[in-house]
Amino acid sequence: MRTPKFSVAALRSFFNKHSTGTMRQLKDALGTSVDMTVFRKLRQLSYHTSYSHQGKYYTLDELADFDSSGLWQCDGARFSKQGPC
């Protein structure tokens, strides 16, 4: 089995500083140019994709403060507990 080159800790560190991030920001945090690498690492964490801004923003489940309707907004990006529409 190969040793992981990209650490999920790098994403967690990014999200410790920022509540949301774009794919570009997450790729920079991991040091990769490949979207699938980011998705593999996000899958290890519980994450949500925004339903606004064409799904451009990502956040961790533990950071989202969903209201009673299951919705959360941060910096203009909107998230649903049920996932993107």
N, C-alpha and C. Protein backbone atom coordinates (compact mmCIF):
# COMPACT_ATOMS: atom_id res chain seq x y z
N MET A 1 0.83 -1.19 0.00
CA MET A 1 0.00 0.00 0.00
C MET A 1 0.88 1.25 0.00
N ARG A 2 0.49 2.21 -0.83
CA ARG A 2 1.27 3.44 -0.93
C ARG A 2 1.07 4.33 0.28
N THR A 3 2.10 5.06 0.63
CA THR A 3 2.00 6.06 1.69
C THR A 3 1.28 7.28 1.15
N PRO A 4 0.28 7.78 1.85
CA PRO A 4 -0.44 8.96 1.35
C PRO A 4 0.50 10.17 1.21
N LYS A 5 0.43 10.79 0.05
CA LYS A 5 1.27 11.96 -0.20
C LYS A 5 0.61 13.23 0.32
N PHE A 6 -0.71 13.25 0.29
CA PHE A 6 -1.46 14.43 0.72
C PHE A 6 -2.18 14.10 2.02
N SER A 7 -2.04 14.98 2.98
CA SER A 7 -2.59 14.73 4.30
C SER A 7 -3.93 15.43 4.49
N VAL A 8 -4.87 14.69 5.07
CA VAL A 8 -6.17 15.27 5.40
C VAL A 8 -5.99 16.35 6.46
N ALA A 9 -4.91 16.30 7.20
CA ALA A 9 -4.63 17.31 8.23
C ALA A 9 -4.45 18.69 7.60
N ALA A 10 -3.97 18.75 6.37
CA ALA A 10 -3.81 20.04 5.68
C ALA A 10 -5.17 20.68 5.43
N LEU A 11 -6.17 19.87 5.07
CA LEU A 11 -7.52 20.40 4.88
C LEU A 11 -8.12 20.84 6.21
N ARG A 12 -7.93 20.03 7.23
CA ARG A 12 -8.45 20.38 8.55
C ARG A 12 -7.83 21.70 9.03
N SER A 13 -6.56 21.87 8.78
CA SER A 13 -5.87 23.12 9.15
C SER A 13 -6.47 24.30 8.39
N PHE A 14 -6.75 24.12 7.11
CA PHE A 14 -7.38 25.18 6.32
C PHE A 14 -8.72 25.56 6.93
N PHE A 15 -9.53 24.55 7.23
CA PHE A 15 -10.87 24.82 7.77
C PHE A 15 -10.83 25.33 9.21
N ASN A 16 -9.73 25.14 9.91
CA ASN A 16 -9.60 25.75 11.23
C ASN A 16 -9.49 27.28 11.12
N LYS A 17 -9.02 27.74 9.98
CA LYS A 17 -8.85 29.19 9.75
C LYS A 17 -10.02 29.79 8.97
N HIS A 18 -10.67 28.99 8.13
CA HIS A 18 -11.73 29.48 7.24
C HIS A 18 -12.95 28.56 7.37
N SER A 19 -14.13 29.15 7.43
CA SER A 19 -15.35 28.34 7.54
C SER A 19 -15.73 27.68 6.22
N THR A 20 -15.40 28.33 5.12
CA THR A 20 -15.70 27.80 3.79
C THR A 20 -14.48 27.95 2.91
N GLY A 21 -14.47 27.21 1.81
CA GLY A 21 -13.38 27.33 0.85
C GLY A 21 -13.82 26.88 -0.53
N THR A 22 -13.14 27.40 -1.54
CA THR A 22 -13.39 27.00 -2.92
C THR A 22 -12.45 25.85 -3.27
N MET A 23 -12.73 25.20 -4.37
CA MET A 23 -11.87 24.10 -4.83
C MET A 23 -10.43 24.60 -5.00
N ARG A 24 -10.27 25.79 -5.57
CA ARG A 24 -8.93 26.35 -5.77
C ARG A 24 -8.19 26.50 -4.43
N GLN A 25 -8.88 27.02 -3.43
CA GLN A 25 -8.28 27.20 -2.11
C GLN A 25 -7.93 25.85 -1.48
N LEU A 26 -8.79 24.87 -1.65
CA LEU A 26 -8.54 23.56 -1.07
C LEU A 26 -7.38 22.86 -1.77
N LYS A 27 -7.29 23.03 -3.09
CA LYS A 27 -6.15 22.46 -3.82
C LYS A 27 -4.85 23.10 -3.37
N ASP A 28 -4.88 24.41 -3.18
CA ASP A 28 -3.68 25.11 -2.69
C ASP A 28 -3.29 24.61 -1.30
N ALA A 29 -4.26 24.41 -0.44
CA ALA A 29 -4.00 23.94 0.92
C ALA A 29 -3.35 22.55 0.92
N LEU A 30 -3.78 21.70 -0.02
CA LEU A 30 -3.22 20.36 -0.11
C LEU A 30 -1.93 20.30 -0.93
N GLY A 31 -1.72 21.30 -1.76
CA GLY A 31 -0.55 21.30 -2.63
C GLY A 31 -0.73 20.40 -3.83
N THR A 32 -1.93 20.38 -4.40
CA THR A 32 -2.22 19.56 -5.57
C THR A 32 -2.93 20.40 -6.62
N SER A 33 -2.94 19.91 -7.83
CA SER A 33 -3.68 20.58 -8.90
C SER A 33 -4.85 19.72 -9.37
N VAL A 34 -5.12 18.63 -8.65
CA VAL A 34 -6.12 17.65 -9.07
C VAL A 34 -7.36 17.70 -8.16
N ASP A 35 -8.52 17.93 -8.78
CA ASP A 35 -9.78 17.99 -8.01
C ASP A 35 -10.05 16.69 -7.26
N MET A 36 -9.81 15.55 -7.90
CA MET A 36 -10.13 14.26 -7.29
C MET A 36 -9.35 14.04 -5.99
N THR A 37 -8.14 14.55 -5.91
CA THR A 37 -7.37 14.44 -4.67
C THR A 37 -8.09 15.16 -3.54
N VAL A 38 -8.61 16.34 -3.84
CA VAL A 38 -9.36 17.09 -2.83
C VAL A 38 -10.61 16.32 -2.42
N PHE A 39 -11.35 15.78 -3.39
CA PHE A 39 -12.56 15.03 -3.07
C PHE A 39 -12.26 13.81 -2.21
N ARG A 40 -11.15 13.13 -2.49
CA ARG A 40 -10.78 11.96 -1.69
C ARG A 40 -10.52 12.36 -0.24
N LYS A 41 -9.86 13.49 -0.04
CA LYS A 41 -9.57 13.95 1.31
C LYS A 41 -10.83 14.49 1.99
N LEU A 42 -11.68 15.21 1.25
CA LEU A 42 -12.93 15.71 1.83
C LEU A 42 -13.82 14.56 2.27
N ARG A 43 -13.78 13.46 1.51
CA ARG A 43 -14.61 12.31 1.84
C ARG A 43 -14.24 11.72 3.20
N GLN A 44 -12.98 11.88 3.60
CA GLN A 44 -12.54 11.39 4.91
C GLN A 44 -13.09 12.26 6.04
N LEU A 45 -13.46 13.47 5.71
CA LEU A 45 -14.12 14.38 6.64
C LEU A 45 -15.58 14.44 6.20
N SER A 46 -16.45 14.84 7.03
CA SER A 46 -17.84 14.99 6.62
C SER A 46 -18.00 16.42 6.09
N TYR A 47 -18.36 16.56 4.81
CA TYR A 47 -18.39 17.89 4.22
C TYR A 47 -19.71 18.18 3.50
N HIS A 48 -19.93 19.46 3.23
CA HIS A 48 -21.09 19.92 2.49
C HIS A 48 -20.63 20.83 1.35
N THR A 49 -21.40 20.81 0.27
CA THR A 49 -21.19 21.69 -0.87
C THR A 49 -22.32 22.71 -0.89
N SER A 50 -21.99 23.95 -1.23
CA SER A 50 -23.01 24.99 -1.25
C SER A 50 -24.04 24.72 -2.34
N TYR A 51 -25.28 25.14 -2.07
CA TYR A 51 -26.30 25.05 -3.12
C TYR A 51 -26.40 26.37 -3.87
N SER A 52 -25.75 27.39 -3.37
CA SER A 52 -25.66 28.66 -4.09
C SER A 52 -24.29 28.71 -4.79
N HIS A 53 -24.08 29.68 -5.60
CA HIS A 53 -22.80 29.87 -6.29
C HIS A 53 -22.37 28.64 -7.09
N GLN A 54 -23.34 27.92 -7.63
CA GLN A 54 -23.08 26.74 -8.46
C GLN A 54 -22.22 25.70 -7.75
N GLY A 55 -22.41 25.54 -6.44
CA GLY A 55 -21.67 24.53 -5.68
C GLY A 55 -20.20 24.84 -5.52
N LYS A 56 -19.84 26.10 -5.59
CA LYS A 56 -18.44 26.52 -5.58
C LYS A 56 -17.78 26.40 -4.20
N TYR A 57 -18.58 26.42 -3.13
CA TYR A 57 -18.02 26.45 -1.78
C TYR A 57 -18.19 25.13 -1.06
N TYR A 58 -17.23 24.84 -0.19
CA TYR A 58 -17.22 23.61 0.61
C TYR A 58 -17.03 24.00 2.07
N THR A 59 -17.61 23.20 2.96
CA THR A 59 -17.41 23.38 4.39
C THR A 59 -17.50 22.02 5.06
N LEU A 60 -17.03 21.95 6.28
CA LEU A 60 -17.12 20.71 7.04
C LEU A 60 -18.41 20.69 7.84
N ASP A 61 -18.95 19.52 8.02
CA ASP A 61 -20.19 19.35 8.77
C ASP A 61 -20.05 19.93 10.17
N GLU A 62 -18.92 19.74 10.78
CA GLU A 62 -18.71 20.22 12.15
C GLU A 62 -18.67 21.76 12.24
N LEU A 63 -18.45 22.45 11.15
CA LEU A 63 -18.40 23.91 11.16
C LEU A 63 -19.75 24.55 10.86
N ALA A 64 -20.59 23.84 10.13
CA ALA A 64 -21.87 24.39 9.72
C ALA A 64 -22.83 24.45 10.91
N ASP A 65 -23.45 25.58 11.08
CA ASP A 65 -24.41 25.79 12.16
C ASP A 65 -25.80 25.89 11.55
N PHE A 66 -26.35 24.74 11.18
CA PHE A 66 -27.63 24.70 10.50
C PHE A 66 -28.77 25.14 11.42
N ASP A 67 -29.72 25.88 10.85
CA ASP A 67 -30.89 26.30 11.63
C ASP A 67 -31.91 25.17 11.66
N SER A 68 -33.07 25.44 12.24
CA SER A 68 -34.10 24.40 12.38
C SER A 68 -34.63 23.91 11.03
N SER A 69 -34.43 24.70 9.99
CA SER A 69 -34.85 24.29 8.64
C SER A 69 -33.75 23.52 7.91
N GLY A 70 -32.60 23.37 8.54
CA GLY A 70 -31.49 22.66 7.91
C GLY A 70 -30.70 23.51 6.95
N LEU A 71 -30.75 24.84 7.13
CA LEU A 71 -30.03 25.76 6.24
C LEU A 71 -28.98 26.53 7.02
N TRP A 72 -27.91 26.93 6.33
CA TRP A 72 -26.84 27.71 6.93
C TRP A 72 -26.23 28.60 5.87
N GLN A 73 -25.90 29.82 6.25
CA GLN A 73 -25.27 30.77 5.33
C GLN A 73 -23.98 31.28 5.95
N CYS A 74 -22.94 31.35 5.15
CA CYS A 74 -21.66 31.86 5.61
C CYS A 74 -21.01 32.64 4.47
N ASP A 75 -20.70 33.89 4.72
CA ASP A 75 -20.05 34.74 3.71
C ASP A 75 -20.78 34.72 2.37
N GLY A 76 -22.10 34.68 2.42
CA GLY A 76 -22.89 34.72 1.19
C GLY A 76 -23.15 33.35 0.57
N ALA A 77 -22.39 32.34 0.96
CA ALA A 77 -22.61 30.98 0.45
C ALA A 77 -23.67 30.30 1.30
N ARG A 78 -24.58 29.60 0.65
CA ARG A 78 -25.68 28.94 1.35
C ARG A 78 -25.52 27.42 1.26
N PHE A 79 -25.78 26.77 2.40
CA PHE A 79 -25.64 25.33 2.51
C PHE A 79 -26.91 24.73 3.06
N SER A 80 -27.19 23.50 2.65
CA SER A 80 -28.34 22.76 3.15
C SER A 80 -27.84 21.47 3.79
N LYS A 81 -28.44 21.13 4.92
CA LYS A 81 -28.07 19.89 5.60
C LYS A 81 -28.39 18.69 4.71
N GLN A 82 -29.37 18.83 3.83
CA GLN A 82 -29.78 17.75 2.93
C GLN A 82 -28.89 17.64 1.70
N GLY A 83 -27.96 18.56 1.52
CA GLY A 83 -27.09 18.56 0.35
C GLY A 83 -27.57 19.55 -0.69
N PRO A 84 -26.80 19.71 -1.76
CA PRO A 84 -27.20 20.67 -2.81
C PRO A 84 -28.47 20.23 -3.51
N CYS A 85 -29.23 21.20 -3.98
CA CYS A 85 -30.49 20.92 -4.66
C CYS A 85 -30.26 20.31 -6.03
